[in-house]
Amino acid sequence: MKKGDLAVVSAYYSLDTGCVEVLAGAPSA
């Protein structure tokens, strides 16, 4: 997984939930 992909995934998580905290959970998962 590339850094660019991770950034995109994190962005989708934040947009889906509307919570910034999910950004911290996305890379961990």
PDB file of N, CA and C in Angstrom:
ATOM      1  N   MET A   1       0.849  -1.201   0.000  1.00  0.00           N
ATOM      2  CA  MET A   1       0.000   0.000   0.000  1.00  0.00           C
ATOM      3  C   MET A   1       0.881   1.247   0.000  1.00  0.00           C
ATOM      4  N   LYS A   2       0.602   2.152  -0.920  1.00  0.00           N
ATOM      5  CA  LYS A   2       1.395   3.372  -1.017  1.00  0.00           C
ATOM      6  C   LYS A   2       0.833   4.466  -0.118  1.00  0.00           C
ATOM      7  N   LYS A   3       1.663   5.448   0.194  1.00  0.00           N
ATOM      8  CA  LYS A   3       1.213   6.555   1.046  1.00  0.00           C
ATOM      9  C   LYS A   3       0.029   7.268   0.413  1.00  0.00           C
ATOM     10  N   GLY A   4       0.064   7.400  -0.911  1.00  0.00           N
ATOM     11  CA  GLY A   4      -1.031   8.069  -1.614  1.00  0.00           C
ATOM     12  C   GLY A   4      -2.344   7.335  -1.412  1.00  0.00           C
ATOM     13  N   ASP A   5      -2.270   5.988  -1.471  1.00  0.00           N
ATOM     14  CA  ASP A   5      -3.478   5.180  -1.279  1.00  0.00           C
ATOM     15  C   ASP A   5      -4.017   5.358   0.135  1.00  0.00           C
ATOM     16  N   LEU A   6      -3.120   5.382   1.099  1.00  0.00           N
ATOM     17  CA  LEU A   6      -3.525   5.522   2.494  1.00  0.00           C
ATOM     18  C   LEU A   6      -4.231   6.858   2.710  1.00  0.00           C
ATOM     19  N   ALA A   7      -3.697   7.901   2.072  1.00  0.00           N
ATOM     20  CA  ALA A   7      -4.297   9.228   2.202  1.00  0.00           C
ATOM     21  C   ALA A   7      -5.714   9.227   1.628  1.00  0.00           C
ATOM     22  N   VAL A   8      -5.892   8.533   0.508  1.00  0.00           N
ATOM     23  CA  VAL A   8      -7.211   8.462  -0.129  1.00  0.00           C
ATOM     24  C   VAL A   8      -8.183   7.709   0.767  1.00  0.00           C
ATOM     25  N   VAL A   9      -7.729   6.593   1.328  1.00  0.00           N
ATOM     26  CA  VAL A   9      -8.571   5.791   2.220  1.00  0.00           C
ATOM     27  C   VAL A   9      -8.987   6.621   3.430  1.00  0.00           C
ATOM     28  N   SER A  10      -8.037   7.345   4.013  1.00  0.00           N
ATOM     29  CA  SER A  10      -8.332   8.170   5.180  1.00  0.00           C
ATOM     30  C   SER A  10      -9.363   9.234   4.827  1.00  0.00           C
ATOM     31  N   ALA A  11      -9.239   9.794   3.631  1.00  0.00           N
ATOM     32  CA  ALA A  11     -10.161  10.837   3.194  1.00  0.00           C
ATOM     33  C   ALA A  11     -11.571  10.269   3.077  1.00  0.00           C
ATOM     34  N   TYR A  12     -11.687   9.063   2.515  1.00  0.00           N
ATOM     35  CA  TYR A  12     -12.994   8.433   2.370  1.00  0.00           C
ATOM     36  C   TYR A  12     -13.613   8.157   3.737  1.00  0.00           C
ATOM     37  N   TYR A  13     -12.797   7.709   4.675  1.00  0.00           N
ATOM     38  CA  TYR A  13     -13.295   7.429   6.027  1.00  0.00           C
ATOM     39  C   TYR A  13     -13.851   8.698   6.666  1.00  0.00           C
ATOM     40  N   SER A  14     -13.127   9.802   6.550  1.00  0.00           N
ATOM     41  CA  SER A  14     -13.564  11.051   7.160  1.00  0.00           C
ATOM     42  C   SER A  14     -14.832  11.571   6.488  1.00  0.00           C
ATOM     43  N   LEU A  15     -14.932  11.398   5.163  1.00  0.00           N
ATOM     44  CA  LEU A  15     -16.111  11.860   4.446  1.00  0.00           C
ATOM     45  C   LEU A  15     -17.325  11.005   4.791  1.00  0.00           C
ATOM     46  N   ASP A  16     -17.088   9.727   4.996  1.00  0.00           N
ATOM     47  CA  ASP A  16     -18.188   8.800   5.276  1.00  0.00           C
ATOM     48  C   ASP A  16     -18.765   9.007   6.674  1.00  0.00           C
ATOM     49  N   THR A  17     -17.899   9.277   7.635  1.00  0.00           N
ATOM     50  CA  THR A  17     -18.344   9.419   9.021  1.00  0.00           C
ATOM     51  C   THR A  17     -18.485  10.880   9.430  1.00  0.00           C
ATOM     52  N   GLY A  18     -17.659  11.746   8.841  1.00  0.00           N
ATOM     53  CA  GLY A  18     -17.692  13.150   9.205  1.00  0.00           C
ATOM     54  C   GLY A  18     -16.892  13.397  10.470  1.00  0.00           C
ATOM     55  N   CYS A  19     -16.124  12.393  10.903  1.00  0.00           N
ATOM     56  CA  CYS A  19     -15.314  12.536  12.110  1.00  0.00           C
ATOM     57  C   CYS A  19     -13.833  12.521  11.740  1.00  0.00           C
ATOM     58  N   VAL A  20     -13.090  13.498  12.250  1.00  0.00           N
ATOM     59  CA  VAL A  20     -11.661  13.574  11.961  1.00  0.00           C
ATOM     60  C   VAL A  20     -10.915  12.454  12.677  1.00  0.00           C
ATOM     61  N   GLU A  21     -11.466  11.987  13.803  1.00  0.00           N
ATOM     62  CA  GLU A  21     -10.807  10.942  14.595  1.00  0.00           C
ATOM     63  C   GLU A  21     -10.616   9.665  13.781  1.00  0.00           C
ATOM     64  N   VAL A  22     -11.490   9.434  12.810  1.00  0.00           N
ATOM     65  CA  VAL A  22     -11.410   8.226  11.992  1.00  0.00           C
ATOM     66  C   VAL A  22     -10.115   8.212  11.185  1.00  0.00           C
ATOM     67  N   LEU A  23      -9.564   9.398  10.913  1.00  0.00           N
ATOM     68  CA  LEU A  23      -8.306   9.494  10.169  1.00  0.00           C
ATOM     69  C   LEU A  23      -7.200   8.758  10.910  1.00  0.00           C
ATOM     70  N   ALA A  24      -7.263   8.791  12.239  1.00  0.00           N
ATOM     71  CA  ALA A  24      -6.250   8.114  13.047  1.00  0.00           C
ATOM     72  C   ALA A  24      -6.500   6.611  13.062  1.00  0.00           C
ATOM     73  N   GLY A  25      -7.751   6.212  12.904  1.00  0.00           N
ATOM     74  CA  GLY A  25      -8.093   4.794  12.943  1.00  0.00           C
ATOM     75  C   GLY A  25      -7.864   4.098  11.609  1.00  0.00           C
ATOM     76  N   ALA A  26      -7.980   4.842  10.513  1.00  0.00           N
ATOM     77  CA  ALA A  26      -7.822   4.248   9.185  1.00  0.00           C
ATOM     78  C   ALA A  26      -6.431   3.641   8.971  1.00  0.00           C
ATOM     79  N   PRO A  27      -5.349   4.394   9.227  1.00  0.00           N
ATOM     80  CA  PRO A  27      -4.002   3.838   9.042  1.00  0.00           C
ATOM     81  C   PRO A  27      -3.727   2.669   9.987  1.00  0.00           C
ATOM     82  N   SER A  28      -4.301   2.697  11.167  1.00  0.00           N
ATOM     83  CA  SER A  28      -4.078   1.629  12.144  1.00  0.00           C
ATOM     84  C   SER A  28      -4.731   0.337  11.673  1.00  0.00           C
ATOM     85  N   ALA A  29      -5.895   0.479  11.025  1.00  0.00           N
ATOM     86  CA  ALA A  29      -6.625  -0.693  10.542  1.00  0.00           C
ATOM     87  C   ALA A  29      -5.967  -1.185   9.269  1.00  0.00           C
TER      88      ALA A  29
END
